[in-house]
Structure formats: structure tokens, C-alpha cells
Amino acid sequence: MSTPPPEAIRAVPARHWGRWVSAAVVLLLLAWLVVAALNSHFIDFAEVRKWQFNSLILKGLWATIVLAVLAQLAGIALGVIFAVMRLSKNPVMSSVSWVYVWFFRGVPVLVLLFFFFNGVPSVFHSLTIAIPFTHVTLYSKLMVDFMTPFMAAFLALALNEGAYMAEIVRAGILSVDEGQVHAAQALGMTSRLTLRRIVLPQAMRVIIPPTGNEFISMLKTSSLASTITYGELLRRAGDIYATNLEVVPLLIVATIWYLFLTTIATIAQYYIERRFARGRMRELPETPFQKVRRSLRRAPRL
């Protein structure tokens, strides 16, 4: 007599009601805050809409993007150079790198801004680049004309960022196993080629996340350039509310644009991290849209 086949197991997914209850509570609190803000009349949304896409605001937005991107790129380049110097066996190179990182991490950005914009032109009359031991001048300009608000802000932000990036890059390089370097040297690769082909590509997984955070911080730190009359976003907003006295709406306008820039930078950082994770993960992490679709599929049905 044959035995009947076993019944199919009917798997019932567990219902995590606590998650949905806590989510509902958080959404209710957020809704309450939004309604309270709308009813308080603290923010004049008509003024916010009026100035959100004003030409002066958009010029300030573009100036912020240009300053942040160029200063970050220069900071990354300086960070790579000084990180390699710090790891060098040459004591002079290592010491110079240590002093650079120590100094520019210790001095506030605002002090650097005032130093370059006010201090340097008062000490140096002109900037001259010439061939040593000759009378051939390659470049010469009055320091007052050279040290514009943009140049002062660029130098201050780039040098400060380079100090932080040097430590980030150094940590990324040290995270690569020494066996990788020894194997490259056994194949006859030079130190420079080993760094470019072996070490840095593997170190990028460690370098990229804090670098993304540094760029987001750079977008906000660039607002300090308004103190030296550079026409970035906050400075343009300040120029407007100095005439119409609508301080809060103009600050809200600047806040919205800063949030927009940081959101774009965050999304870009996520996809760059996802790309460099391909070599060490069998499956790539889900994108935000994939996570949303998965959550909706798992939502309890009433």
C-alpha cells in the first residue's frame, strides 16, 4: 500500500505590524509639523516662490557649484599627492606632508578666507613667476588684482580640503593588503604603476564614501565665502533681503537650493559606490527605486 504524498508546505510570511505602526506614527508626526508650519504664517510661501528662480539667485547657485566642484577637485589632487608623500620612506617628504595636514586641519576655514583675501594682498605687492637666475618673466600681476574673492575662496577651501583628503586617501591605501603590492613588484611593475593599477583601484571602495561626504560638506562650507563678498548663493540671497527685508523667505530659498544640491550629490555618491562594489559582491545592492518596489510588494494586503 503506497503512502500518500506529503502535503505541500504553505509558507505564510510573518507580519511585522510593529514596523507599520511605527511608520504610521512617524508619518503622522511629520504631517503635524507640516500643518503647524503652514498655519503659523512664519514662512511667506508667496515670497519663496517669487524668489526661488530669480536670476540673482540662479547666478549665486551657479557660483556655488563652480566653487565647490573646483575646490573639491583640487582638494582630491592635493590629497592624493600628500597621502603618497606621507607614506613615503623619505623623511623629508613624510614630514612636509604631516605638517601640511596638521596645519590646514587645525586652522578654521573662515580664518583662511580672511587670510587670503585680506592678509596676502597687504603683505605681497605682486605675484611674479620667472625663470630662476634669469630676467625672463613668465607671469606677473598685482596681488590685489590676482586675489579676487573667487581666488581667495578657492585657495582656502582647496587647501583645507586637501588636508582632509590626504588622510582619507592614506587610509584607503593602507586598507589594501600588502600582498597585492608584493605580487605586483614580483611581476616587475614599478612603484608608480603599482599605485595606479593595483593600489588605488582597490582603495577606491574605502575612499569614495568619505569623499562623497566631503563634497556635500564642501557645498555647504562654500557659503562662508559670502564673508569675503564672493557672490555665491547665500551672498546673493543676503543682497536681496538687505533691500526688501524678507529675511526668512530668502533664507528658505537658499535652503531649498542647498538641499537640492546635496540630494543630487548623495544620489551620485550612491551610484558611484555601487559601481565600485562590483568586484567584491556577488549581487549589487538595490537601488532606491528597487527598494521601494520591494517594500510595496511586501506591504500587507487588507
C-alpha atoms as a PDB file:
ATOM      1  CA  MET A   1       0.000   0.000   0.000  1.00  0.00           C
ATOM      2  CA  SER A   2       1.575   3.273  -1.126  1.00  0.00           C
ATOM      3  CA  THR A   3       1.756   6.141   1.305  1.00  0.00           C
ATOM      4  CA  PRO A   4       0.061   9.402   0.306  1.00  0.00           C
ATOM      5  CA  PRO A   5       2.413  12.195  -0.761  1.00  0.00           C
ATOM      6  CA  PRO A   6       3.125  14.807   1.884  1.00  0.00           C
ATOM      7  CA  GLU A   7       1.121  17.958   1.763  1.00  0.00           C
ATOM      8  CA  ALA A   8       2.801  20.993   0.302  1.00  0.00           C
ATOM      9  CA  ILE A   9       4.117  23.366   2.912  1.00  0.00           C
ATOM     10  CA  ARG A  10       2.206  26.603   2.859  1.00  0.00           C
ATOM     11  CA  ALA A  11       4.619  29.329   3.918  1.00  0.00           C
ATOM     12  CA  VAL A  12       2.946  32.331   5.478  1.00  0.00           C
ATOM     13  CA  PRO A  13       5.182  35.404   5.691  1.00  0.00           C
ATOM     14  CA  ALA A  14       5.447  36.954   9.131  1.00  0.00           C
ATOM     15  CA  ARG A  15       3.561  40.185   9.575  1.00  0.00           C
ATOM     16  CA  HIS A  16       5.749  42.825  11.155  1.00  0.00           C
ATOM     17  CA  TRP A  17       2.934  45.020  12.398  1.00  0.00           C
ATOM     18  CA  GLY A  18       5.273  46.982  14.671  1.00  0.00           C
ATOM     19  CA  ARG A  19       7.136  48.366  11.685  1.00  0.00           C
ATOM     20  CA  TRP A  20       3.966  49.626  10.063  1.00  0.00           C
ATOM     21  CA  VAL A  21       2.649  51.117  13.281  1.00  0.00           C
ATOM     22  CA  SER A  22       5.917  52.961  13.938  1.00  0.00           C
ATOM     23  CA  ALA A  23       5.966  54.177  10.324  1.00  0.00           C
ATOM     24  CA  ALA A  24       2.408  55.460  10.671  1.00  0.00           C
ATOM     25  CA  VAL A  25       3.313  57.307  13.877  1.00  0.00           C
ATOM     26  CA  VAL A  26       6.322  58.950  12.204  1.00  0.00           C
ATOM     27  CA  LEU A  27       4.220  59.997   9.191  1.00  0.00           C
ATOM     28  CA  LEU A  28       1.572  61.487  11.478  1.00  0.00           C
ATOM     29  CA  LEU A  29       4.219  63.492  13.332  1.00  0.00           C
ATOM     30  CA  LEU A  30       5.654  64.766  10.050  1.00  0.00           C
ATOM     31  CA  ALA A  31       2.192  65.708   8.824  1.00  0.00           C
ATOM     32  CA  TRP A  32       1.542  67.542  12.089  1.00  0.00           C
ATOM     33  CA  LEU A  33       4.806  69.502  11.724  1.00  0.00           C
ATOM     34  CA  VAL A  34       3.986  70.454   8.130  1.00  0.00           C
ATOM     35  CA  VAL A  35       0.471  71.598   9.030  1.00  0.00           C
ATOM     36  CA  ALA A  36       1.773  73.557  12.024  1.00  0.00           C
ATOM     37  CA  ALA A  37       4.350  75.298   9.814  1.00  0.00           C
ATOM     38  CA  LEU A  38       1.714  76.161   7.219  1.00  0.00           C
ATOM     39  CA  ASN A  39      -0.687  77.576   9.814  1.00  0.00           C
ATOM     40  CA  SER A  40       1.951  79.554  11.705  1.00  0.00           C
ATOM     41  CA  HIS A  41       2.414  82.069   8.849  1.00  0.00           C
ATOM     42  CA  PHE A  42       6.098  82.170   9.795  1.00  0.00           C
ATOM     43  CA  ILE A  43       7.043  81.468   6.186  1.00  0.00           C
ATOM     44  CA  ASP A  44       5.672  83.559   3.372  1.00  0.00           C
ATOM     45  CA  PHE A  45       5.480  80.930   0.641  1.00  0.00           C
ATOM     46  CA  ALA A  46       4.443  83.518  -1.930  1.00  0.00           C
ATOM     47  CA  GLU A  47       7.767  85.297  -1.430  1.00  0.00           C
ATOM     48  CA  VAL A  48       9.622  81.976  -1.569  1.00  0.00           C
ATOM     49  CA  ARG A  49       8.023  81.135  -4.923  1.00  0.00           C
ATOM     50  CA  LYS A  50       8.722  84.665  -6.161  1.00  0.00           C
ATOM     51  CA  TRP A  51      12.469  84.479  -5.497  1.00  0.00           C
ATOM     52  CA  GLN A  52      13.167  80.757  -5.973  1.00  0.00           C
ATOM     53  CA  PHE A  53      14.156  81.112  -9.648  1.00  0.00           C
ATOM     54  CA  ASN A  54      15.259  84.734  -9.593  1.00  0.00           C
ATOM     55  CA  SER A  55      18.203  85.471 -11.884  1.00  0.00           C
ATOM     56  CA  LEU A  56      20.391  86.672  -8.999  1.00  0.00           C
ATOM     57  CA  ILE A  57      19.663  83.512  -7.019  1.00  0.00           C
ATOM     58  CA  LEU A  58      20.464  81.327 -10.031  1.00  0.00           C
ATOM     59  CA  LYS A  59      23.736  83.179 -10.562  1.00  0.00           C
ATOM     60  CA  GLY A  60      24.615  82.551  -6.932  1.00  0.00           C
ATOM     61  CA  LEU A  61      23.670  78.893  -7.327  1.00  0.00           C
ATOM     62  CA  TRP A  62      25.986  78.532 -10.314  1.00  0.00           C
ATOM     63  CA  ALA A  63      28.802  80.310  -8.446  1.00  0.00           C
ATOM     64  CA  THR A  64      28.356  77.874  -5.544  1.00  0.00           C
ATOM     65  CA  ILE A  65      28.535  74.855  -7.864  1.00  0.00           C
ATOM     66  CA  VAL A  66      31.650  76.144  -9.662  1.00  0.00           C
ATOM     67  CA  LEU A  67      33.475  76.952  -6.422  1.00  0.00           C
ATOM     68  CA  ALA A  68      32.557  73.677  -4.713  1.00  0.00           C
ATOM     69  CA  VAL A  69      33.436  71.459  -7.686  1.00  0.00           C
ATOM     70  CA  LEU A  70      36.772  73.152  -8.452  1.00  0.00           C
ATOM     71  CA  ALA A  71      37.816  73.291  -4.797  1.00  0.00           C
ATOM     72  CA  GLN A  72      36.872  69.630  -4.308  1.00  0.00           C
ATOM     73  CA  LEU A  73      38.811  68.521  -7.408  1.00  0.00           C
ATOM     74  CA  ALA A  74      41.853  70.482  -6.277  1.00  0.00           C
ATOM     75  CA  GLY A  75      41.459  69.052  -2.771  1.00  0.00           C
ATOM     76  CA  ILE A  76      41.360  65.492  -4.133  1.00  0.00           C
ATOM     77  CA  ALA A  77      44.501  66.101  -6.194  1.00  0.00           C
ATOM     78  CA  LEU A  78      46.297  67.579  -3.182  1.00  0.00           C
ATOM     79  CA  GLY A  79      45.045  64.724  -1.023  1.00  0.00           C
ATOM     80  CA  VAL A  80      46.494  62.073  -3.333  1.00  0.00           C
ATOM     81  CA  ILE A  81      49.837  63.888  -3.544  1.00  0.00           C
ATOM     82  CA  PHE A  82      50.226  64.428   0.193  1.00  0.00           C
ATOM     83  CA  ALA A  83      48.948  60.942   1.053  1.00  0.00           C
ATOM     84  CA  VAL A  84      51.660  59.407  -1.148  1.00  0.00           C
ATOM     85  CA  MET A  85      54.203  61.772   0.416  1.00  0.00           C
ATOM     86  CA  ARG A  86      53.054  60.762   3.904  1.00  0.00           C
ATOM     87  CA  LEU A  87      53.579  57.081   3.086  1.00  0.00           C
ATOM     88  CA  SER A  88      56.964  57.746   1.500  1.00  0.00           C
ATOM     89  CA  LYS A  89      60.100  56.377   3.160  1.00  0.00           C
ATOM     90  CA  ASN A  90      61.748  59.742   2.558  1.00  0.00           C
ATOM     91  CA  PRO A  91      61.641  61.512   5.956  1.00  0.00           C
ATOM     92  CA  VAL A  92      61.559  64.982   4.373  1.00  0.00           C
ATOM     93  CA  MET A  93      58.560  64.181   2.170  1.00  0.00           C
ATOM     94  CA  SER A  94      56.746  62.464   5.036  1.00  0.00           C
ATOM     95  CA  SER A  95      57.408  65.353   7.435  1.00  0.00           C
ATOM     96  CA  VAL A  96      56.266  68.012   4.957  1.00  0.00           C
ATOM     97  CA  SER A  97      53.034  66.093   4.393  1.00  0.00           C
ATOM     98  CA  TRP A  98      52.447  65.730   8.132  1.00  0.00           C
ATOM     99  CA  VAL A  99      52.962  69.468   8.716  1.00  0.00           C
ATOM    100  CA  TYR A 100      50.592  70.342   5.853  1.00  0.00           C
ATOM    101  CA  VAL A 101      47.830  68.093   7.217  1.00  0.00           C
ATOM    102  CA  TRP A 102      48.398  69.305  10.778  1.00  0.00           C
ATOM    103  CA  PHE A 103      48.255  72.987   9.828  1.00  0.00           C
ATOM    104  CA  PHE A 104      45.306  73.077   7.457  1.00  0.00           C
ATOM    105  CA  ARG A 105      43.181  70.736   9.562  1.00  0.00           C
ATOM    106  CA  GLY A 106      43.817  72.942  12.581  1.00  0.00           C
ATOM    107  CA  VAL A 107      43.117  76.372  11.061  1.00  0.00           C
ATOM    108  CA  PRO A 108      39.410  77.258  10.579  1.00  0.00           C
ATOM    109  CA  VAL A 109      38.230  77.843   7.021  1.00  0.00           C
ATOM    110  CA  LEU A 110      36.972  81.313   7.934  1.00  0.00           C
ATOM    111  CA  VAL A 111      40.463  82.316   9.092  1.00  0.00           C
ATOM    112  CA  LEU A 112      41.937  81.046   5.816  1.00  0.00           C
ATOM    113  CA  LEU A 113      39.383  83.051   3.842  1.00  0.00           C
ATOM    114  CA  PHE A 114      40.289  86.286   5.621  1.00  0.00           C
ATOM    115  CA  PHE A 115      43.997  85.470   5.381  1.00  0.00           C
ATOM    116  CA  PHE A 116      43.992  85.025   1.608  1.00  0.00           C
ATOM    117  CA  PHE A 117      41.559  87.852   0.857  1.00  0.00           C
ATOM    118  CA  ASN A 118      42.825  90.498   3.299  1.00  0.00           C
ATOM    119  CA  GLY A 119      46.237  89.364   4.532  1.00  0.00           C
ATOM    120  CA  VAL A 120      48.027  88.231   1.395  1.00  0.00           C
ATOM    121  CA  PRO A 121      47.394  91.415  -0.706  1.00  0.00           C
ATOM    122  CA  SER A 122      48.561  93.589   2.198  1.00  0.00           C
ATOM    123  CA  VAL A 123      51.864  91.674   2.522  1.00  0.00           C
ATOM    124  CA  PHE A 124      52.708  90.886  -1.099  1.00  0.00           C
ATOM    125  CA  HIS A 125      52.587  93.613  -3.723  1.00  0.00           C
ATOM    126  CA  SER A 126      52.515  91.392  -6.799  1.00  0.00           C
ATOM    127  CA  LEU A 127      52.653  87.811  -7.981  1.00  0.00           C
ATOM    128  CA  THR A 128      55.536  87.147 -10.338  1.00  0.00           C
ATOM    129  CA  ILE A 129      56.597  83.870 -11.899  1.00  0.00           C
ATOM    130  CA  ALA A 130      60.019  83.931 -13.582  1.00  0.00           C
ATOM    131  CA  ILE A 131      62.697  81.529 -14.728  1.00  0.00           C
ATOM    132  CA  PRO A 132      65.278  81.191 -11.916  1.00  0.00           C
ATOM    133  CA  PHE A 133      68.586  83.036 -12.363  1.00  0.00           C
ATOM    134  CA  THR A 134      67.271  84.893 -15.397  1.00  0.00           C
ATOM    135  CA  HIS A 135      65.348  88.070 -16.104  1.00  0.00           C
ATOM    136  CA  VAL A 136      62.639  86.209 -18.061  1.00  0.00           C
ATOM    137  CA  THR A 137      59.210  86.782 -16.506  1.00  0.00           C
ATOM    138  CA  LEU A 138      56.512  84.246 -17.312  1.00  0.00           C
ATOM    139  CA  TYR A 139      53.645  85.843 -15.374  1.00  0.00           C
ATOM    140  CA  SER A 140      53.249  88.995 -13.343  1.00  0.00           C
ATOM    141  CA  LYS A 141      50.170  90.575 -11.812  1.00  0.00           C
ATOM    142  CA  LEU A 142      49.324  92.835  -8.916  1.00  0.00           C
ATOM    143  CA  MET A 143      48.268  90.782  -5.915  1.00  0.00           C
ATOM    144  CA  VAL A 144      45.179  92.954  -5.428  1.00  0.00           C
ATOM    145  CA  ASP A 145      44.025  92.041  -8.924  1.00  0.00           C
ATOM    146  CA  PHE A 146      45.029  88.396  -8.615  1.00  0.00           C
ATOM    147  CA  MET A 147      43.491  87.673  -5.197  1.00  0.00           C
ATOM    148  CA  THR A 148      39.844  88.113  -6.173  1.00  0.00           C
ATOM    149  CA  PRO A 149      37.077  86.837  -3.866  1.00  0.00           C
ATOM    150  CA  PHE A 150      36.810  83.708  -6.011  1.00  0.00           C
ATOM    151  CA  MET A 151      40.559  83.006  -5.918  1.00  0.00           C
ATOM    152  CA  ALA A 152      40.735  83.572  -2.166  1.00  0.00           C
ATOM    153  CA  ALA A 153      37.770  81.272  -1.568  1.00  0.00           C
ATOM    154  CA  PHE A 154      39.170  78.650  -3.952  1.00  0.00           C
ATOM    155  CA  LEU A 155      42.591  78.586  -2.285  1.00  0.00           C
ATOM    156  CA  ALA A 156      41.168  78.481   1.232  1.00  0.00           C
ATOM    157  CA  LEU A 157      38.679  75.698   0.512  1.00  0.00           C
ATOM    158  CA  ALA A 158      41.040  73.643  -1.673  1.00  0.00           C
ATOM    159  CA  LEU A 159      43.940  73.722   0.795  1.00  0.00           C
ATOM    160  CA  ASN A 160      41.654  72.879   3.693  1.00  0.00           C
ATOM    161  CA  GLU A 161      40.019  70.063   1.761  1.00  0.00           C
ATOM    162  CA  GLY A 162      43.386  68.702   0.644  1.00  0.00           C
ATOM    163  CA  ALA A 163      44.374  68.112   4.259  1.00  0.00           C
ATOM    164  CA  TYR A 164      41.270  66.026   4.963  1.00  0.00           C
ATOM    165  CA  MET A 165      41.507  64.187   1.643  1.00  0.00           C
ATOM    166  CA  ALA A 166      45.138  63.304   2.372  1.00  0.00           C
ATOM    167  CA  GLU A 167      44.045  61.339   5.445  1.00  0.00           C
ATOM    168  CA  ILE A 168      41.153  59.733   3.560  1.00  0.00           C
ATOM    169  CA  VAL A 169      43.389  58.626   0.682  1.00  0.00           C
ATOM    170  CA  ARG A 170      46.068  57.419   3.100  1.00  0.00           C
ATOM    171  CA  ALA A 171      43.509  55.282   4.926  1.00  0.00           C
ATOM    172  CA  GLY A 172      42.319  53.868   1.600  1.00  0.00           C
ATOM    173  CA  ILE A 173      45.853  52.990   0.519  1.00  0.00           C
ATOM    174  CA  LEU A 174      46.623  51.322   3.844  1.00  0.00           C
ATOM    175  CA  SER A 175      43.445  49.233   3.527  1.00  0.00           C
ATOM    176  CA  VAL A 176      44.919  47.384   0.517  1.00  0.00           C
ATOM    177  CA  ASP A 177      46.668  44.174   1.504  1.00  0.00           C
ATOM    178  CA  GLU A 178      50.452  44.353   1.206  1.00  0.00           C
ATOM    179  CA  GLY A 179      50.433  41.040  -0.636  1.00  0.00           C
ATOM    180  CA  GLN A 180      48.897  42.828  -3.611  1.00  0.00           C
ATOM    181  CA  VAL A 181      51.874  45.196  -3.740  1.00  0.00           C
ATOM    182  CA  HIS A 182      54.401  42.393  -3.342  1.00  0.00           C
ATOM    183  CA  ALA A 183      52.731  40.435  -6.149  1.00  0.00           C
ATOM    184  CA  ALA A 184      52.854  43.477  -8.448  1.00  0.00           C
ATOM    185  CA  GLN A 185      56.521  44.026  -7.642  1.00  0.00           C
ATOM    186  CA  ALA A 186      57.224  40.347  -8.358  1.00  0.00           C
ATOM    187  CA  LEU A 187      55.724  40.861 -11.820  1.00  0.00           C
ATOM    188  CA  GLY A 188      58.167  43.695 -12.432  1.00  0.00           C
ATOM    189  CA  MET A 189      55.744  46.599 -12.032  1.00  0.00           C
ATOM    190  CA  THR A 190      57.197  49.919 -10.922  1.00  0.00           C
ATOM    191  CA  SER A 191      56.003  51.651  -7.758  1.00  0.00           C
ATOM    192  CA  ARG A 192      54.116  54.278  -9.758  1.00  0.00           C
ATOM    193  CA  LEU A 193      52.433  51.657 -11.935  1.00  0.00           C
ATOM    194  CA  THR A 194      51.578  49.558  -8.875  1.00  0.00           C
ATOM    195  CA  LEU A 195      49.962  52.558  -7.236  1.00  0.00           C
ATOM    196  CA  ARG A 196      47.945  53.438 -10.338  1.00  0.00           C
ATOM    197  CA  ARG A 197      46.935  49.935 -11.447  1.00  0.00           C
ATOM    198  CA  ILE A 198      46.743  47.924  -8.221  1.00  0.00           C
ATOM    199  CA  VAL A 199      46.514  50.047  -5.082  1.00  0.00           C
ATOM    200  CA  LEU A 200      44.272  52.988  -5.972  1.00  0.00           C
ATOM    201  CA  PRO A 201      41.537  50.949  -7.768  1.00  0.00           C
ATOM    202  CA  GLN A 202      41.156  48.746  -4.682  1.00  0.00           C
ATOM    203  CA  ALA A 203      41.416  51.684  -2.292  1.00  0.00           C
ATOM    204  CA  MET A 204      38.558  53.485  -4.049  1.00  0.00           C
ATOM    205  CA  ARG A 205      35.995  51.404  -2.149  1.00  0.00           C
ATOM    206  CA  VAL A 206      37.302  52.945   1.065  1.00  0.00           C
ATOM    207  CA  ILE A 207      37.963  56.417  -0.359  1.00  0.00           C
ATOM    208  CA  ILE A 208      34.673  57.128  -2.140  1.00  0.00           C
ATOM    209  CA  PRO A 209      32.178  57.177   0.812  1.00  0.00           C
ATOM    210  CA  PRO A 210      34.049  59.799   2.882  1.00  0.00           C
ATOM    211  CA  THR A 211      34.906  61.731  -0.289  1.00  0.00           C
ATOM    212  CA  GLY A 212      31.203  61.995  -1.081  1.00  0.00           C
ATOM    213  CA  ASN A 213      30.584  63.294   2.420  1.00  0.00           C
ATOM    214  CA  GLU A 214      33.415  65.793   1.988  1.00  0.00           C
ATOM    215  CA  PHE A 215      31.883  67.130  -1.230  1.00  0.00           C
ATOM    216  CA  ILE A 216      28.496  67.538   0.423  1.00  0.00           C
ATOM    217  CA  SER A 217      30.230  69.385   3.236  1.00  0.00           C
ATOM    218  CA  MET A 218      32.053  71.487   0.637  1.00  0.00           C
ATOM    219  CA  LEU A 219      28.747  72.607  -0.888  1.00  0.00           C
ATOM    220  CA  LYS A 220      27.701  73.979   2.487  1.00  0.00           C
ATOM    221  CA  THR A 221      31.112  75.284   3.554  1.00  0.00           C
ATOM    222  CA  SER A 222      31.255  77.362   0.369  1.00  0.00           C
ATOM    223  CA  SER A 223      28.641  79.616   1.971  1.00  0.00           C
ATOM    224  CA  LEU A 224      31.434  81.014   4.167  1.00  0.00           C
ATOM    225  CA  ALA A 225      32.792  82.703   1.038  1.00  0.00           C
ATOM    226  CA  SER A 226      29.962  85.202   1.414  1.00  0.00           C
ATOM    227  CA  THR A 227      32.033  86.872   4.151  1.00  0.00           C
ATOM    228  CA  ILE A 228      34.606  87.980   1.564  1.00  0.00           C
ATOM    229  CA  THR A 229      31.956  89.257  -0.890  1.00  0.00           C
ATOM    230  CA  TYR A 230      32.084  86.275  -3.236  1.00  0.00           C
ATOM    231  CA  GLY A 231      28.704  86.143  -4.996  1.00  0.00           C
ATOM    232  CA  GLU A 232      27.665  82.596  -4.110  1.00  0.00           C
ATOM    233  CA  LEU A 233      24.129  81.503  -3.215  1.00  0.00           C
ATOM    234  CA  LEU A 234      23.935  82.785   0.356  1.00  0.00           C
ATOM    235  CA  ARG A 235      25.560  86.079  -0.589  1.00  0.00           C
ATOM    236  CA  ARG A 236      23.017  86.681  -3.363  1.00  0.00           C
ATOM    237  CA  ALA A 237      20.168  85.867  -1.008  1.00  0.00           C
ATOM    238  CA  GLY A 238      21.639  88.283   1.529  1.00  0.00           C
ATOM    239  CA  ASP A 239      21.908  91.042  -1.068  1.00  0.00           C
ATOM    240  CA  ILE A 240      18.212  90.638  -1.857  1.00  0.00           C
ATOM    241  CA  TYR A 241      16.875  90.547   1.704  1.00  0.00           C
ATOM    242  CA  ALA A 242      19.079  93.523   2.582  1.00  0.00           C
ATOM    243  CA  THR A 243      16.830  95.587   0.293  1.00  0.00           C
ATOM    244  CA  ASN A 244      13.383  94.031   0.778  1.00  0.00           C
ATOM    245  CA  LEU A 245      13.841  92.875   4.429  1.00  0.00           C
ATOM    246  CA  GLU A 246      12.308  89.458   3.623  1.00  0.00           C
ATOM    247  CA  VAL A 247      14.974  87.606   5.557  1.00  0.00           C
ATOM    248  CA  VAL A 248      13.214  84.299   6.291  1.00  0.00           C
ATOM    249  CA  PRO A 249      11.790  83.692   2.776  1.00  0.00           C
ATOM    250  CA  LEU A 250      15.186  84.336   1.186  1.00  0.00           C
ATOM    251  CA  LEU A 251      16.897  82.011   3.658  1.00  0.00           C
ATOM    252  CA  ILE A 252      14.280  79.369   2.805  1.00  0.00           C
ATOM    253  CA  VAL A 253      15.070  79.877  -0.879  1.00  0.00           C
ATOM    254  CA  ALA A 254      18.776  79.299  -0.236  1.00  0.00           C
ATOM    255  CA  THR A 255      17.983  76.291   1.962  1.00  0.00           C
ATOM    256  CA  ILE A 256      15.893  74.666  -0.761  1.00  0.00           C
ATOM    257  CA  TRP A 257      18.719  75.034  -3.284  1.00  0.00           C
ATOM    258  CA  TYR A 258      21.301  73.660  -0.834  1.00  0.00           C
ATOM    259  CA  LEU A 259      19.053  70.665  -0.169  1.00  0.00           C
ATOM    260  CA  PHE A 260      18.656  70.169  -3.911  1.00  0.00           C
ATOM    261  CA  LEU A 261      22.434  70.179  -4.459  1.00  0.00           C
ATOM    262  CA  THR A 262      23.136  67.811  -1.575  1.00  0.00           C
ATOM    263  CA  THR A 263      20.403  65.443  -2.811  1.00  0.00           C
ATOM    264  CA  ILE A 264      21.965  65.282  -6.279  1.00  0.00           C
ATOM    265  CA  ALA A 265      25.399  64.704  -4.732  1.00  0.00           C
ATOM    266  CA  THR A 266      24.030  61.964  -2.464  1.00  0.00           C
ATOM    267  CA  ILE A 267      22.429  60.121  -5.387  1.00  0.00           C
ATOM    268  CA  ALA A 268      25.640  60.376  -7.426  1.00  0.00           C
ATOM    269  CA  GLN A 269      27.668  59.096  -4.469  1.00  0.00           C
ATOM    270  CA  TYR A 270      25.362  56.095  -4.088  1.00  0.00           C
ATOM    271  CA  TYR A 271      25.712  55.012  -7.709  1.00  0.00           C
ATOM    272  CA  ILE A 272      29.494  55.514  -7.689  1.00  0.00           C
ATOM    273  CA  GLU A 273      29.764  53.356  -4.560  1.00  0.00           C
ATOM    274  CA  ARG A 274      27.522  50.769  -6.212  1.00  0.00           C
ATOM    275  CA  ARG A 275      29.773  50.682  -9.268  1.00  0.00           C
ATOM    276  CA  PHE A 276      32.961  50.110  -7.266  1.00  0.00           C
ATOM    277  CA  ALA A 277      31.237  47.396  -5.209  1.00  0.00           C
ATOM    278  CA  ARG A 278      31.039  45.126  -8.270  1.00  0.00           C
ATOM    279  CA  GLY A 279      34.394  43.497  -7.602  1.00  0.00           C
ATOM    280  CA  ARG A 280      33.666  42.276  -4.078  1.00  0.00           C
ATOM    281  CA  MET A 281      29.936  41.494  -4.071  1.00  0.00           C
ATOM    282  CA  ARG A 282      28.112  38.734  -5.946  1.00  0.00           C
ATOM    283  CA  GLU A 283      24.981  40.847  -6.154  1.00  0.00           C
ATOM    284  CA  LEU A 284      24.937  44.611  -6.380  1.00  0.00           C
ATOM    285  CA  PRO A 285      22.990  46.457  -3.679  1.00  0.00           C
ATOM    286  CA  GLU A 286      19.493  47.524  -4.594  1.00  0.00           C
ATOM    287  CA  THR A 287      18.851  50.967  -5.949  1.00  0.00           C
ATOM    288  CA  PRO A 288      16.407  53.199  -4.025  1.00  0.00           C
ATOM    289  CA  PHE A 289      13.701  52.541  -6.634  1.00  0.00           C
ATOM    290  CA  GLN A 290      14.185  48.783  -6.300  1.00  0.00           C
ATOM    291  CA  LYS A 291      13.881  49.061  -2.524  1.00  0.00           C
ATOM    292  CA  VAL A 292      10.626  50.990  -2.858  1.00  0.00           C
ATOM    293  CA  ARG A 293       9.158  48.408  -5.236  1.00  0.00           C
ATOM    294  CA  ARG A 294      10.184  45.570  -2.934  1.00  0.00           C
ATOM    295  CA  SER A 295       8.622  47.304   0.082  1.00  0.00           C
ATOM    296  CA  LEU A 296       5.378  47.869  -1.815  1.00  0.00           C
ATOM    297  CA  ARG A 297       5.220  44.216  -2.817  1.00  0.00           C
ATOM    298  CA  ARG A 298       5.648  43.159   0.810  1.00  0.00           C
ATOM    299  CA  ALA A 299       3.048  45.569   2.121  1.00  0.00           C
ATOM    300  CA  PRO A 300       0.229  43.809   3.980  1.00  0.00           C
ATOM    301  CA  ARG A 301      -2.918  43.461   1.984  1.00  0.00           C
ATOM    302  CA  LEU A 302      -6.169  44.367   3.706  1.00  0.00           C
END
